[in-house]
Amino acid sequence: MIGGGAWSDRAGRRVAMLVPSVALLVWAPVFFWLVGAEAAWITELFPTRYRYAGSSLVFQGSSIVAGAPAPFIAVWLVDRFGAGAVIGYLVATMLVTAVALAFGRETRGTDLDAVR
């Protein structure tokens, strides 16, 4: 927020609001396109018999374990270390995601009936 405020002091409020808005217009479709790949990948990790329950547990469980405490963690980080710490938190969560993806198995082209 401090960086955005300083930027708006130099570039103007209108520009500081317009640039992120246009960036979000570009990013939002890409983000939702990637969500489809995530849904397919997680679903294909489970055998056919458990696919629905397994993917549901992963989606809902991750929301509870990682999503629910995230606002509280962010507030604590800002209070304790400043707003920049939230960026560090986001980077750390993306590193966890990257490691999980790097060690996860590829499911493209896999016979889903053969998944055990």
PDB file of N, CA and C in Angstrom:
ATOM      1  N   MET A   1       0.816  -1.187   0.000  1.00  0.00           N
ATOM      2  CA  MET A   1       0.000   0.000   0.000  1.00  0.00           C
ATOM      3  C   MET A   1       0.860   1.251   0.000  1.00  0.00           C
ATOM      4  N   ILE A   2       1.943   1.197   0.708  1.00  0.00           N
ATOM      5  CA  ILE A   2       2.813   2.378   0.758  1.00  0.00           C
ATOM      6  C   ILE A   2       3.389   2.654  -0.625  1.00  0.00           C
ATOM      7  N   GLY A   3       3.824   1.573  -1.305  1.00  0.00           N
ATOM      8  CA  GLY A   3       4.365   1.741  -2.651  1.00  0.00           C
ATOM      9  C   GLY A   3       3.323   2.289  -3.616  1.00  0.00           C
ATOM     10  N   GLY A   4       2.094   1.783  -3.504  1.00  0.00           N
ATOM     11  CA  GLY A   4       1.015   2.275  -4.367  1.00  0.00           C
ATOM     12  C   GLY A   4       0.691   3.729  -4.089  1.00  0.00           C
ATOM     13  N   GLY A   5       0.707   4.101  -2.812  1.00  0.00           N
ATOM     14  CA  GLY A   5       0.454   5.495  -2.458  1.00  0.00           C
ATOM     15  C   GLY A   5       1.542   6.418  -2.984  1.00  0.00           C
ATOM     16  N   ALA A   6       2.792   5.981  -2.853  1.00  0.00           N
ATOM     17  CA  ALA A   6       3.905   6.792  -3.364  1.00  0.00           C
ATOM     18  C   ALA A   6       3.838   6.909  -4.879  1.00  0.00           C
ATOM     19  N   TRP A   7       3.478   5.793  -5.528  1.00  0.00           N
ATOM     20  CA  TRP A   7       3.356   5.828  -6.991  1.00  0.00           C
ATOM     21  C   TRP A   7       2.233   6.768  -7.410  1.00  0.00           C
ATOM     22  N   SER A   8       1.108   6.734  -6.686  1.00  0.00           N
ATOM     23  CA  SER A   8      -0.006   7.618  -7.046  1.00  0.00           C
ATOM     24  C   SER A   8       0.347   9.083  -6.810  1.00  0.00           C
ATOM     25  N   ASP A   9       1.248   9.356  -5.873  1.00  0.00           N
ATOM     26  CA  ASP A   9       1.713  10.734  -5.673  1.00  0.00           C
ATOM     27  C   ASP A   9       2.510  11.217  -6.877  1.00  0.00           C
ATOM     28  N   ARG A  10       3.263  10.319  -7.501  1.00  0.00           N
ATOM     29  CA  ARG A  10       4.067  10.695  -8.668  1.00  0.00           C
ATOM     30  C   ARG A  10       3.270  10.655  -9.962  1.00  0.00           C
ATOM     31  N   ALA A  11       2.489   9.584 -10.166  1.00  0.00           N
ATOM     32  CA  ALA A  11       1.812   9.385 -11.455  1.00  0.00           C
ATOM     33  C   ALA A  11       0.400   9.958 -11.483  1.00  0.00           C
ATOM     34  N   GLY A  12      -0.188  10.167 -10.338  1.00  0.00           N
ATOM     35  CA  GLY A  12      -1.570  10.631 -10.270  1.00  0.00           C
ATOM     36  C   GLY A  12      -2.487   9.490  -9.867  1.00  0.00           C
ATOM     37  N   ARG A  13      -3.570   9.854  -9.221  1.00  0.00           N
ATOM     38  CA  ARG A  13      -4.492   8.831  -8.713  1.00  0.00           C
ATOM     39  C   ARG A  13      -5.157   8.059  -9.842  1.00  0.00           C
ATOM     40  N   ARG A  14      -5.547   8.765 -10.895  1.00  0.00           N
ATOM     41  CA  ARG A  14      -6.240   8.123 -12.008  1.00  0.00           C
ATOM     42  C   ARG A  14      -5.370   7.065 -12.658  1.00  0.00           C
ATOM     43  N   VAL A  15      -4.128   7.397 -12.933  1.00  0.00           N
ATOM     44  CA  VAL A  15      -3.208   6.447 -13.552  1.00  0.00           C
ATOM     45  C   VAL A  15      -2.937   5.279 -12.616  1.00  0.00           C
ATOM     46  N   ALA A  16      -2.768   5.570 -11.333  1.00  0.00           N
ATOM     47  CA  ALA A  16      -2.482   4.518 -10.348  1.00  0.00           C
ATOM     48  C   ALA A  16      -3.651   3.555 -10.199  1.00  0.00           C
ATOM     49  N   MET A  17      -4.847   3.970 -10.515  1.00  0.00           N
ATOM     50  CA  MET A  17      -5.999   3.072 -10.491  1.00  0.00           C
ATOM     51  C   MET A  17      -6.216   2.418 -11.853  1.00  0.00           C
ATOM     52  N   LEU A  18      -5.925   3.145 -12.931  1.00  0.00           N
ATOM     53  CA  LEU A  18      -6.169   2.643 -14.280  1.00  0.00           C
ATOM     54  C   LEU A  18      -5.218   1.504 -14.644  1.00  0.00           C
ATOM     55  N   VAL A  19      -3.947   1.631 -14.345  1.00  0.00           N
ATOM     56  CA  VAL A  19      -2.964   0.603 -14.719  1.00  0.00           C
ATOM     57  C   VAL A  19      -3.287  -0.747 -14.064  1.00  0.00           C
ATOM     58  N   PRO A  20      -3.523  -0.826 -12.752  1.00  0.00           N
ATOM     59  CA  PRO A  20      -3.880  -2.122 -12.175  1.00  0.00           C
ATOM     60  C   PRO A  20      -5.209  -2.663 -12.707  1.00  0.00           C
ATOM     61  N   SER A  21      -6.151  -1.772 -13.009  1.00  0.00           N
ATOM     62  CA  SER A  21      -7.431  -2.228 -13.557  1.00  0.00           C
ATOM     63  C   SER A  21      -7.244  -2.894 -14.912  1.00  0.00           C
ATOM     64  N   VAL A  22      -6.438  -2.286 -15.765  1.00  0.00           N
ATOM     65  CA  VAL A  22      -6.167  -2.874 -17.080  1.00  0.00           C
ATOM     66  C   VAL A  22      -5.364  -4.166 -16.924  1.00  0.00           C
ATOM     67  N   ALA A  23      -4.413  -4.167 -16.005  1.00  0.00           N
ATOM     68  CA  ALA A  23      -3.628  -5.384 -15.755  1.00  0.00           C
ATOM     69  C   ALA A  23      -4.540  -6.525 -15.294  1.00  0.00           C
ATOM     70  N   LEU A  24      -5.520  -6.214 -14.463  1.00  0.00           N
ATOM     71  CA  LEU A  24      -6.449  -7.240 -13.997  1.00  0.00           C
ATOM     72  C   LEU A  24      -7.333  -7.734 -15.137  1.00  0.00           C
ATOM     73  N   LEU A  25      -7.676  -6.872 -16.065  1.00  0.00           N
ATOM     74  CA  LEU A  25      -8.435  -7.308 -17.240  1.00  0.00           C
ATOM     75  C   LEU A  25      -7.674  -8.379 -18.017  1.00  0.00           C
ATOM     76  N   VAL A  26      -6.362  -8.235 -18.068  1.00  0.00           N
ATOM     77  CA  VAL A  26      -5.528  -9.222 -18.763  1.00  0.00           C
ATOM     78  C   VAL A  26      -5.323 -10.454 -17.881  1.00  0.00           C
ATOM     79  N   TRP A  27      -5.064 -10.262 -16.605  1.00  0.00           N
ATOM     80  CA  TRP A  27      -4.715 -11.364 -15.716  1.00  0.00           C
ATOM     81  C   TRP A  27      -5.908 -12.253 -15.361  1.00  0.00           C
ATOM     82  N   ALA A  28      -7.083 -11.698 -15.162  1.00  0.00           N
ATOM     83  CA  ALA A  28      -8.237 -12.474 -14.699  1.00  0.00           C
ATOM     84  C   ALA A  28      -8.557 -13.657 -15.614  1.00  0.00           C
ATOM     85  N   PRO A  29      -8.634 -13.483 -16.934  1.00  0.00           N
ATOM     86  CA  PRO A  29      -8.906 -14.658 -17.783  1.00  0.00           C
ATOM     87  C   PRO A  29      -7.795 -15.705 -17.706  1.00  0.00           C
ATOM     88  N   VAL A  30      -6.543 -15.271 -17.603  1.00  0.00           N
ATOM     89  CA  VAL A  30      -5.433 -16.217 -17.487  1.00  0.00           C
ATOM     90  C   VAL A  30      -5.563 -17.000 -16.188  1.00  0.00           C
ATOM     91  N   PHE A  31      -5.881 -16.317 -15.098  1.00  0.00           N
ATOM     92  CA  PHE A  31      -6.040 -16.971 -13.805  1.00  0.00           C
ATOM     93  C   PHE A  31      -7.124 -18.041 -13.872  1.00  0.00           C
ATOM     94  N   PHE A  32      -8.280 -17.711 -14.415  1.00  0.00           N
ATOM     95  CA  PHE A  32      -9.369 -18.680 -14.451  1.00  0.00           C
ATOM     96  C   PHE A  32      -9.089 -19.812 -15.432  1.00  0.00           C
ATOM     97  N   TRP A  33      -8.292 -19.547 -16.456  1.00  0.00           N
ATOM     98  CA  TRP A  33      -7.864 -20.608 -17.370  1.00  0.00           C
ATOM     99  C   TRP A  33      -6.973 -21.597 -16.619  1.00  0.00           C
ATOM    100  N   LEU A  34      -6.104 -21.088 -15.756  1.00  0.00           N
ATOM    101  CA  LEU A  34      -5.214 -21.950 -14.976  1.00  0.00           C
ATOM    102  C   LEU A  34      -5.963 -22.757 -13.924  1.00  0.00           C
ATOM    103  N   VAL A  35      -7.062 -22.217 -13.399  1.00  0.00           N
ATOM    104  CA  VAL A  35      -7.854 -22.940 -12.405  1.00  0.00           C
ATOM    105  C   VAL A  35      -8.397 -24.234 -13.000  1.00  0.00           C
ATOM    106  N   GLY A  36      -8.759 -24.216 -14.276  1.00  0.00           N
ATOM    107  CA  GLY A  36      -9.236 -25.430 -14.939  1.00  0.00           C
ATOM    108  C   GLY A  36      -8.169 -26.508 -14.963  1.00  0.00           C
ATOM    109  N   ALA A  37      -6.929 -26.124 -15.195  1.00  0.00           N
ATOM    110  CA  ALA A  37      -5.826 -27.091 -15.194  1.00  0.00           C
ATOM    111  C   ALA A  37      -5.624 -27.662 -13.796  1.00  0.00           C
ATOM    112  N   GLU A  38      -5.761 -26.837 -12.788  1.00  0.00           N
ATOM    113  CA  GLU A  38      -5.616 -27.302 -11.407  1.00  0.00           C
ATOM    114  C   GLU A  38      -6.705 -28.318 -11.069  1.00  0.00           C
ATOM    115  N   ALA A  39      -7.934 -28.014 -11.449  1.00  0.00           N
ATOM    116  CA  ALA A  39      -9.047 -28.923 -11.151  1.00  0.00           C
ATOM    117  C   ALA A  39      -8.847 -30.271 -11.832  1.00  0.00           C
ATOM    118  N   ALA A  40      -8.420 -30.250 -13.087  1.00  0.00           N
ATOM    119  CA  ALA A  40      -8.195 -31.510 -13.808  1.00  0.00           C
ATOM    120  C   ALA A  40      -7.052 -32.297 -13.177  1.00  0.00           C
ATOM    121  N   TRP A  41      -5.967 -31.627 -12.834  1.00  0.00           N
ATOM    122  CA  TRP A  41      -4.800 -32.312 -12.283  1.00  0.00           C
ATOM    123  C   TRP A  41      -5.128 -32.967 -10.947  1.00  0.00           C
ATOM    124  N   ILE A  42      -5.753 -32.226 -10.049  1.00  0.00           N
ATOM    125  CA  ILE A  42      -6.065 -32.781  -8.732  1.00  0.00           C
ATOM    126  C   ILE A  42      -7.031 -33.955  -8.866  1.00  0.00           C
ATOM    127  N   THR A  43      -8.035 -33.822  -9.708  1.00  0.00           N
ATOM    128  CA  THR A  43      -9.008 -34.897  -9.889  1.00  0.00           C
ATOM    129  C   THR A  43      -8.346 -36.158 -10.408  1.00  0.00           C
ATOM    130  N   GLU A  44      -7.424 -36.020 -11.336  1.00  0.00           N
ATOM    131  CA  GLU A  44      -6.775 -37.183 -11.953  1.00  0.00           C
ATOM    132  C   GLU A  44      -5.762 -37.866 -11.045  1.00  0.00           C
ATOM    133  N   LEU A  45      -5.455 -37.290  -9.905  1.00  0.00           N
ATOM    134  CA  LEU A  45      -4.524 -37.931  -8.984  1.00  0.00           C
ATOM    135  C   LEU A  45      -5.156 -39.100  -8.231  1.00  0.00           C
ATOM    136  N   PHE A  46      -6.468 -39.207  -8.279  1.00  0.00           N
ATOM    137  CA  PHE A  46      -7.176 -40.227  -7.507  1.00  0.00           C
ATOM    138  C   PHE A  46      -7.717 -41.327  -8.402  1.00  0.00           C
ATOM    139  N   PRO A  47      -7.760 -42.557  -7.884  1.00  0.00           N
ATOM    140  CA  PRO A  47      -8.376 -43.654  -8.636  1.00  0.00           C
ATOM    141  C   PRO A  47      -9.848 -43.333  -8.916  1.00  0.00           C
ATOM    142  N   THR A  48     -10.374 -43.899  -9.982  1.00  0.00           N
ATOM    143  CA  THR A  48     -11.735 -43.603 -10.398  1.00  0.00           C
ATOM    144  C   THR A  48     -12.734 -43.772  -9.265  1.00  0.00           C
ATOM    145  N   ARG A  49     -12.589 -44.815  -8.497  1.00  0.00           N
ATOM    146  CA  ARG A  49     -13.536 -45.102  -7.424  1.00  0.00           C
ATOM    147  C   ARG A  49     -13.581 -43.993  -6.365  1.00  0.00           C
ATOM    148  N   TYR A  50     -12.458 -43.309  -6.141  1.00  0.00           N
ATOM    149  CA  TYR A  50     -12.371 -42.288  -5.100  1.00  0.00           C
ATOM    150  C   TYR A  50     -12.196 -40.875  -5.658  1.00  0.00           C
ATOM    151  N   ARG A  51     -12.307 -40.731  -6.955  1.00  0.00           N
ATOM    152  CA  ARG A  51     -11.974 -39.453  -7.605  1.00  0.00           C
ATOM    153  C   ARG A  51     -12.801 -38.288  -7.076  1.00  0.00           C
ATOM    154  N   TYR A  52     -14.085 -38.444  -6.996  1.00  0.00           N
ATOM    155  CA  TYR A  52     -14.954 -37.339  -6.559  1.00  0.00           C
ATOM    156  C   TYR A  52     -14.662 -36.975  -5.104  1.00  0.00           C
ATOM    157  N   ALA A  53     -14.645 -37.967  -4.226  1.00  0.00           N
ATOM    158  CA  ALA A  53     -14.409 -37.701  -2.804  1.00  0.00           C
ATOM    159  C   ALA A  53     -12.995 -37.167  -2.580  1.00  0.00           C
ATOM    160  N   GLY A  54     -12.006 -37.755  -3.251  1.00  0.00           N
ATOM    161  CA  GLY A  54     -10.621 -37.322  -3.071  1.00  0.00           C
ATOM    162  C   GLY A  54     -10.392 -35.893  -3.506  1.00  0.00           C
ATOM    163  N   SER A  55     -10.884 -35.546  -4.699  1.00  0.00           N
ATOM    164  CA  SER A  55     -10.676 -34.177  -5.170  1.00  0.00           C
ATOM    165  C   SER A  55     -11.462 -33.186  -4.314  1.00  0.00           C
ATOM    166  N   SER A  56     -12.643 -33.567  -3.861  1.00  0.00           N
ATOM    167  CA  SER A  56     -13.418 -32.685  -3.002  1.00  0.00           C
ATOM    168  C   SER A  56     -12.707 -32.444  -1.668  1.00  0.00           C
ATOM    169  N   LEU A  57     -12.167 -33.512  -1.093  1.00  0.00           N
ATOM    170  CA  LEU A  57     -11.426 -33.355   0.166  1.00  0.00           C
ATOM    171  C   LEU A  57     -10.221 -32.432  -0.009  1.00  0.00           C
ATOM    172  N   VAL A  58      -9.526 -32.574  -1.140  1.00  0.00           N
ATOM    173  CA  VAL A  58      -8.365 -31.718  -1.389  1.00  0.00           C
ATOM    174  C   VAL A  58      -8.795 -30.262  -1.544  1.00  0.00           C
ATOM    175  N   PHE A  59      -9.815 -30.015  -2.375  1.00  0.00           N
ATOM    176  CA  PHE A  59     -10.260 -28.636  -2.586  1.00  0.00           C
ATOM    177  C   PHE A  59     -10.773 -28.013  -1.293  1.00  0.00           C
ATOM    178  N   GLN A  60     -11.675 -28.706  -0.618  1.00  0.00           N
ATOM    179  CA  GLN A  60     -12.268 -28.153   0.601  1.00  0.00           C
ATOM    180  C   GLN A  60     -11.260 -28.113   1.747  1.00  0.00           C
ATOM    181  N   GLY A  61     -10.449 -29.157   1.858  1.00  0.00           N
ATOM    182  CA  GLY A  61      -9.441 -29.198   2.918  1.00  0.00           C
ATOM    183  C   GLY A  61      -8.408 -28.100   2.784  1.00  0.00           C
ATOM    184  N   SER A  62      -7.995 -27.839   1.554  1.00  0.00           N
ATOM    185  CA  SER A  62      -7.006 -26.774   1.365  1.00  0.00           C
ATOM    186  C   SER A  62      -7.601 -25.408   1.682  1.00  0.00           C
ATOM    187  N   SER A  63      -8.874 -25.231   1.424  1.00  0.00           N
ATOM    188  CA  SER A  63      -9.527 -23.968   1.781  1.00  0.00           C
ATOM    189  C   SER A  63      -9.541 -23.780   3.293  1.00  0.00           C
ATOM    190  N   ILE A  64      -9.808 -24.867   4.009  1.00  0.00           N
ATOM    191  CA  ILE A  64      -9.865 -24.778   5.468  1.00  0.00           C
ATOM    192  C   ILE A  64      -8.465 -24.594   6.055  1.00  0.00           C
ATOM    193  N   VAL A  65      -7.518 -25.407   5.596  1.00  0.00           N
ATOM    194  CA  VAL A  65      -6.173 -25.401   6.190  1.00  0.00           C
ATOM    195  C   VAL A  65      -5.376 -24.166   5.788  1.00  0.00           C
ATOM    196  N   ALA A  66      -5.454 -23.784   4.521  1.00  0.00           N
ATOM    197  CA  ALA A  66      -4.629 -22.667   4.054  1.00  0.00           C
ATOM    198  C   ALA A  66      -5.412 -21.372   3.880  1.00  0.00           C
ATOM    199  N   GLY A  67      -6.632 -21.473   3.396  1.00  0.00           N
ATOM    200  CA  GLY A  67      -7.402 -20.267   3.102  1.00  0.00           C
ATOM    201  C   GLY A  67      -7.990 -19.582   4.319  1.00  0.00           C
ATOM    202  N   ALA A  68      -8.528 -20.368   5.237  1.00  0.00           N
ATOM    203  CA  ALA A  68      -9.193 -19.772   6.400  1.00  0.00           C
ATOM    204  C   ALA A  68      -8.257 -18.943   7.277  1.00  0.00           C
ATOM    205  N   PRO A  69      -7.068 -19.438   7.604  1.00  0.00           N
ATOM    206  CA  PRO A  69      -6.215 -18.626   8.486  1.00  0.00           C
ATOM    207  C   PRO A  69      -5.441 -17.522   7.756  1.00  0.00           C
ATOM    208  N   ALA A  70      -5.467 -17.507   6.435  1.00  0.00           N
ATOM    209  CA  ALA A  70      -4.665 -16.536   5.681  1.00  0.00           C
ATOM    210  C   ALA A  70      -4.955 -15.084   6.059  1.00  0.00           C
ATOM    211  N   PRO A  71      -6.201 -14.653   6.193  1.00  0.00           N
ATOM    212  CA  PRO A  71      -6.426 -13.250   6.599  1.00  0.00           C
ATOM    213  C   PRO A  71      -5.878 -12.939   7.991  1.00  0.00           C
ATOM    214  N   PHE A  72      -6.005 -13.890   8.891  1.00  0.00           N
ATOM    215  CA  PHE A  72      -5.489 -13.672  10.249  1.00  0.00           C
ATOM    216  C   PHE A  72      -3.960 -13.596  10.248  1.00  0.00           C
ATOM    217  N   ILE A  73      -3.343 -14.455   9.448  1.00  0.00           N
ATOM    218  CA  ILE A  73      -1.880 -14.431   9.324  1.00  0.00           C
ATOM    219  C   ILE A  73      -1.436 -13.107   8.718  1.00  0.00           C
ATOM    220  N   ALA A  74      -2.147 -12.655   7.683  1.00  0.00           N
ATOM    221  CA  ALA A  74      -1.787 -11.392   7.027  1.00  0.00           C
ATOM    222  C   ALA A  74      -1.898 -10.213   7.997  1.00  0.00           C
ATOM    223  N   VAL A  75      -2.969 -10.176   8.776  1.00  0.00           N
ATOM    224  CA  VAL A  75      -3.122  -9.085   9.748  1.00  0.00           C
ATOM    225  C   VAL A  75      -2.011  -9.136  10.786  1.00  0.00           C
ATOM    226  N   TRP A  76      -1.700 -10.324  11.271  1.00  0.00           N
ATOM    227  CA  TRP A  76      -0.626 -10.463  12.258  1.00  0.00           C
ATOM    228  C   TRP A  76       0.711 -10.015  11.675  1.00  0.00           C
ATOM    229  N   LEU A  77       0.980 -10.413  10.427  1.00  0.00           N
ATOM    230  CA  LEU A  77       2.237 -10.023   9.782  1.00  0.00           C
ATOM    231  C   LEU A  77       2.342  -8.510   9.628  1.00  0.00           C
ATOM    232  N   VAL A  78       1.260  -7.880   9.197  1.00  0.00           N
ATOM    233  CA  VAL A  78       1.271  -6.424   9.043  1.00  0.00           C
ATOM    234  C   VAL A  78       1.489  -5.752  10.396  1.00  0.00           C
ATOM    235  N   ASP A  79       0.798  -6.233  11.413  1.00  0.00           N
ATOM    236  CA  ASP A  79       0.927  -5.654  12.745  1.00  0.00           C
ATOM    237  C   ASP A  79       2.328  -5.826  13.310  1.00  0.00           C
ATOM    238  N   ARG A  80       2.895  -6.988  13.077  1.00  0.00           N
ATOM    239  CA  ARG A  80       4.193  -7.318  13.682  1.00  0.00           C
ATOM    240  C   ARG A  80       5.388  -6.806  12.865  1.00  0.00           C
ATOM    241  N   PHE A  81       5.305  -6.962  11.521  1.00  0.00           N
ATOM    242  CA  PHE A  81       6.477  -6.691  10.676  1.00  0.00           C
ATOM    243  C   PHE A  81       6.250  -5.642   9.592  1.00  0.00           C
ATOM    244  N   GLY A  82       5.018  -5.254   9.343  1.00  0.00           N
ATOM    245  CA  GLY A  82       4.725  -4.291   8.281  1.00  0.00           C
ATOM    246  C   GLY A  82       4.150  -4.988   7.054  1.00  0.00           C
ATOM    247  N   ALA A  83       3.627  -4.174   6.154  1.00  0.00           N
ATOM    248  CA  ALA A  83       2.911  -4.703   4.980  1.00  0.00           C
ATOM    249  C   ALA A  83       3.796  -5.560   4.074  1.00  0.00           C
ATOM    250  N   GLY A  84       5.073  -5.279   4.033  1.00  0.00           N
ATOM    251  CA  GLY A  84       5.976  -6.057   3.183  1.00  0.00           C
ATOM    252  C   GLY A  84       6.047  -7.524   3.564  1.00  0.00           C
ATOM    253  N   ALA A  85       5.765  -7.826   4.812  1.00  0.00           N
ATOM    254  CA  ALA A  85       5.811  -9.219   5.267  1.00  0.00           C
ATOM    255  C   ALA A  85       4.728 -10.063   4.609  1.00  0.00           C
ATOM    256  N   VAL A  86       3.615  -9.435   4.234  1.00  0.00           N
ATOM    257  CA  VAL A  86       2.548 -10.176   3.557  1.00  0.00           C
ATOM    258  C   VAL A  86       3.029 -10.653   2.191  1.00  0.00           C
ATOM    259  N   ILE A  87       3.835  -9.843   1.537  1.00  0.00           N
ATOM    260  CA  ILE A  87       4.413 -10.264   0.252  1.00  0.00           C
ATOM    261  C   ILE A  87       5.307 -11.475   0.471  1.00  0.00           C
ATOM    262  N   GLY A  88       6.099 -11.460   1.516  1.00  0.00           N
ATOM    263  CA  GLY A  88       6.929 -12.617   1.849  1.00  0.00           C
ATOM    264  C   GLY A  88       6.093 -13.862   2.109  1.00  0.00           C
ATOM    265  N   TYR A  89       4.972 -13.684   2.796  1.00  0.00           N
ATOM    266  CA  TYR A  89       4.049 -14.788   3.061  1.00  0.00           C
ATOM    267  C   TYR A  89       3.500 -15.364   1.757  1.00  0.00           C
ATOM    268  N   LEU A  90       3.095 -14.486   0.849  1.00  0.00           N
ATOM    269  CA  LEU A  90       2.588 -14.944  -0.451  1.00  0.00           C
ATOM    270  C   LEU A  90       3.669 -15.678  -1.244  1.00  0.00           C
ATOM    271  N   VAL A  91       4.882 -15.150  -1.213  1.00  0.00           N
ATOM    272  CA  VAL A  91       5.997 -15.811  -1.896  1.00  0.00           C
ATOM    273  C   VAL A  91       6.232 -17.194  -1.289  1.00  0.00           C
ATOM    274  N   ALA A  92       6.183 -17.295   0.030  1.00  0.00           N
ATOM    275  CA  ALA A  92       6.387 -18.584   0.698  1.00  0.00           C
ATOM    276  C   ALA A  92       5.311 -19.588   0.301  1.00  0.00           C
ATOM    277  N   THR A  93       4.059 -19.136   0.226  1.00  0.00           N
ATOM    278  CA  THR A  93       2.993 -20.065  -0.171  1.00  0.00           C
ATOM    279  C   THR A  93       3.150 -20.492  -1.627  1.00  0.00           C
ATOM    280  N   MET A  94       3.631 -19.600  -2.472  1.00  0.00           N
ATOM    281  CA  MET A  94       3.853 -19.978  -3.872  1.00  0.00           C
ATOM    282  C   MET A  94       5.035 -20.940  -4.002  1.00  0.00           C
ATOM    283  N   LEU A  95       6.028 -20.803  -3.126  1.00  0.00           N
ATOM    284  CA  LEU A  95       7.141 -21.761  -3.119  1.00  0.00           C
ATOM    285  C   LEU A  95       6.656 -23.150  -2.720  1.00  0.00           C
ATOM    286  N   VAL A  96       5.762 -23.226  -1.745  1.00  0.00           N
ATOM    287  CA  VAL A  96       5.181 -24.516  -1.355  1.00  0.00           C
ATOM    288  C   VAL A  96       4.435 -25.124  -2.548  1.00  0.00           C
ATOM    289  N   THR A  97       3.675 -24.298  -3.248  1.00  0.00           N
ATOM    290  CA  THR A  97       2.953 -24.761  -4.431  1.00  0.00           C
ATOM    291  C   THR A  97       3.919 -25.264  -5.495  1.00  0.00           C
ATOM    292  N   ALA A  98       4.974 -24.507  -5.751  1.00  0.00           N
ATOM    293  CA  ALA A  98       5.946 -24.897  -6.774  1.00  0.00           C
ATOM    294  C   ALA A  98       6.621 -26.223  -6.427  1.00  0.00           C
ATOM    295  N   VAL A  99       6.982 -26.413  -5.174  1.00  0.00           N
ATOM    296  CA  VAL A  99       7.607 -27.667  -4.748  1.00  0.00           C
ATOM    297  C   VAL A  99       6.627 -28.826  -4.908  1.00  0.00           C
ATOM    298  N   ALA A 100       5.387 -28.625  -4.489  1.00  0.00           N
ATOM    299  CA  ALA A 100       4.380 -29.681  -4.625  1.00  0.00           C
ATOM    300  C   ALA A 100       4.169 -30.052  -6.088  1.00  0.00           C
ATOM    301  N   LEU A 101       4.122 -29.061  -6.954  1.00  0.00           N
ATOM    302  CA  LEU A 101       3.952 -29.341  -8.386  1.00  0.00           C
ATOM    303  C   LEU A 101       5.179 -30.024  -8.982  1.00  0.00           C
ATOM    304  N   ALA A 102       6.350 -29.614  -8.538  1.00  0.00           N
ATOM    305  CA  ALA A 102       7.577 -30.208  -9.066  1.00  0.00           C
ATOM    306  C   ALA A 102       7.682 -31.691  -8.713  1.00  0.00           C
ATOM    307  N   PHE A 103       7.198 -32.067  -7.536  1.00  0.00           N
ATOM    308  CA  PHE A 103       7.303 -33.458  -7.109  1.00  0.00           C
ATOM    309  C   PHE A 103       6.031 -34.265  -7.378  1.00  0.00           C
ATOM    310  N   GLY A 104       4.960 -33.606  -7.797  1.00  0.00           N
ATOM    311  CA  GLY A 104       3.723 -34.312  -8.132  1.00  0.00           C
ATOM    312  C   GLY A 104       3.865 -35.014  -9.471  1.00  0.00           C
ATOM    313  N   ARG A 105       3.058 -36.020  -9.678  1.00  0.00           N
ATOM    314  CA  ARG A 105       3.164 -36.742 -10.942  1.00  0.00           C
ATOM    315  C   ARG A 105       2.329 -36.071 -12.025  1.00  0.00           C
ATOM    316  N   GLU A 106       2.786 -36.212 -13.252  1.00  0.00           N
ATOM    317  CA  GLU A 106       2.068 -35.688 -14.416  1.00  0.00           C
ATOM    318  C   GLU A 106       0.937 -36.648 -14.755  1.00  0.00           C
ATOM    319  N   THR A 107      -0.243 -36.109 -15.011  1.00  0.00           N
ATOM    320  CA  THR A 107      -1.390 -36.963 -15.302  1.00  0.00           C
ATOM    321  C   THR A 107      -1.855 -36.862 -16.748  1.00  0.00           C
ATOM    322  N   ARG A 108      -1.283 -35.953 -17.506  1.00  0.00           N
ATOM    323  CA  ARG A 108      -1.687 -35.804 -18.908  1.00  0.00           C
ATOM    324  C   ARG A 108      -1.393 -37.094 -19.661  1.00  0.00           C
ATOM    325  N   GLY A 109      -2.383 -37.560 -20.401  1.00  0.00           N
ATOM    326  CA  GLY A 109      -2.197 -38.745 -21.204  1.00  0.00           C
ATOM    327  C   GLY A 109      -2.285 -40.049 -20.423  1.00  0.00           C
ATOM    328  N   THR A 110      -2.569 -39.969 -19.135  1.00  0.00           N
ATOM    329  CA  THR A 110      -2.656 -41.171 -18.304  1.00  0.00           C
ATOM    330  C   THR A 110      -4.016 -41.819 -18.469  1.00  0.00           C
ATOM    331  N   ASP A 111      -4.036 -43.145 -18.567  1.00  0.00           N
ATOM    332  CA  ASP A 111      -5.301 -43.880 -18.564  1.00  0.00           C
ATOM    333  C   ASP A 111      -5.880 -43.763 -17.159  1.00  0.00           C
ATOM    334  N   LEU A 112      -6.964 -43.038 -17.030  1.00  0.00           N
ATOM    335  CA  LEU A 112      -7.508 -42.755 -15.700  1.00  0.00           C
ATOM    336  C   LEU A 112      -8.021 -44.014 -14.998  1.00  0.00           C
ATOM    337  N   ASP A 113      -8.376 -45.023 -15.756  1.00  0.00           N
ATOM    338  CA  ASP A 113      -8.808 -46.269 -15.138  1.00  0.00           C
ATOM    339  C   ASP A 113      -7.626 -47.014 -14.517  1.00  0.00           C
ATOM    340  N   ALA A 114      -6.408 -46.682 -14.946  1.00  0.00           N
ATOM    341  CA  ALA A 114      -5.206 -47.356 -14.440  1.00  0.00           C
ATOM    342  C   ALA A 114      -4.627 -46.664 -13.201  1.00  0.00           C
ATOM    343  N   VAL A 115      -5.169 -45.503 -12.837  1.00  0.00           N
ATOM    344  CA  VAL A 115      -4.661 -44.779 -11.672  1.00  0.00           C
ATOM    345  C   VAL A 115      -4.991 -45.573 -10.413  1.00  0.00           C
ATOM    346  N   ARG A 116      -3.985 -45.851  -9.611  1.00  0.00           N
ATOM    347  CA  ARG A 116      -4.175 -46.606  -8.362  1.00  0.00           C
ATOM    348  C   ARG A 116      -3.710 -45.805  -7.186  1.00  0.00           C
TER     349      ARG A 116
END
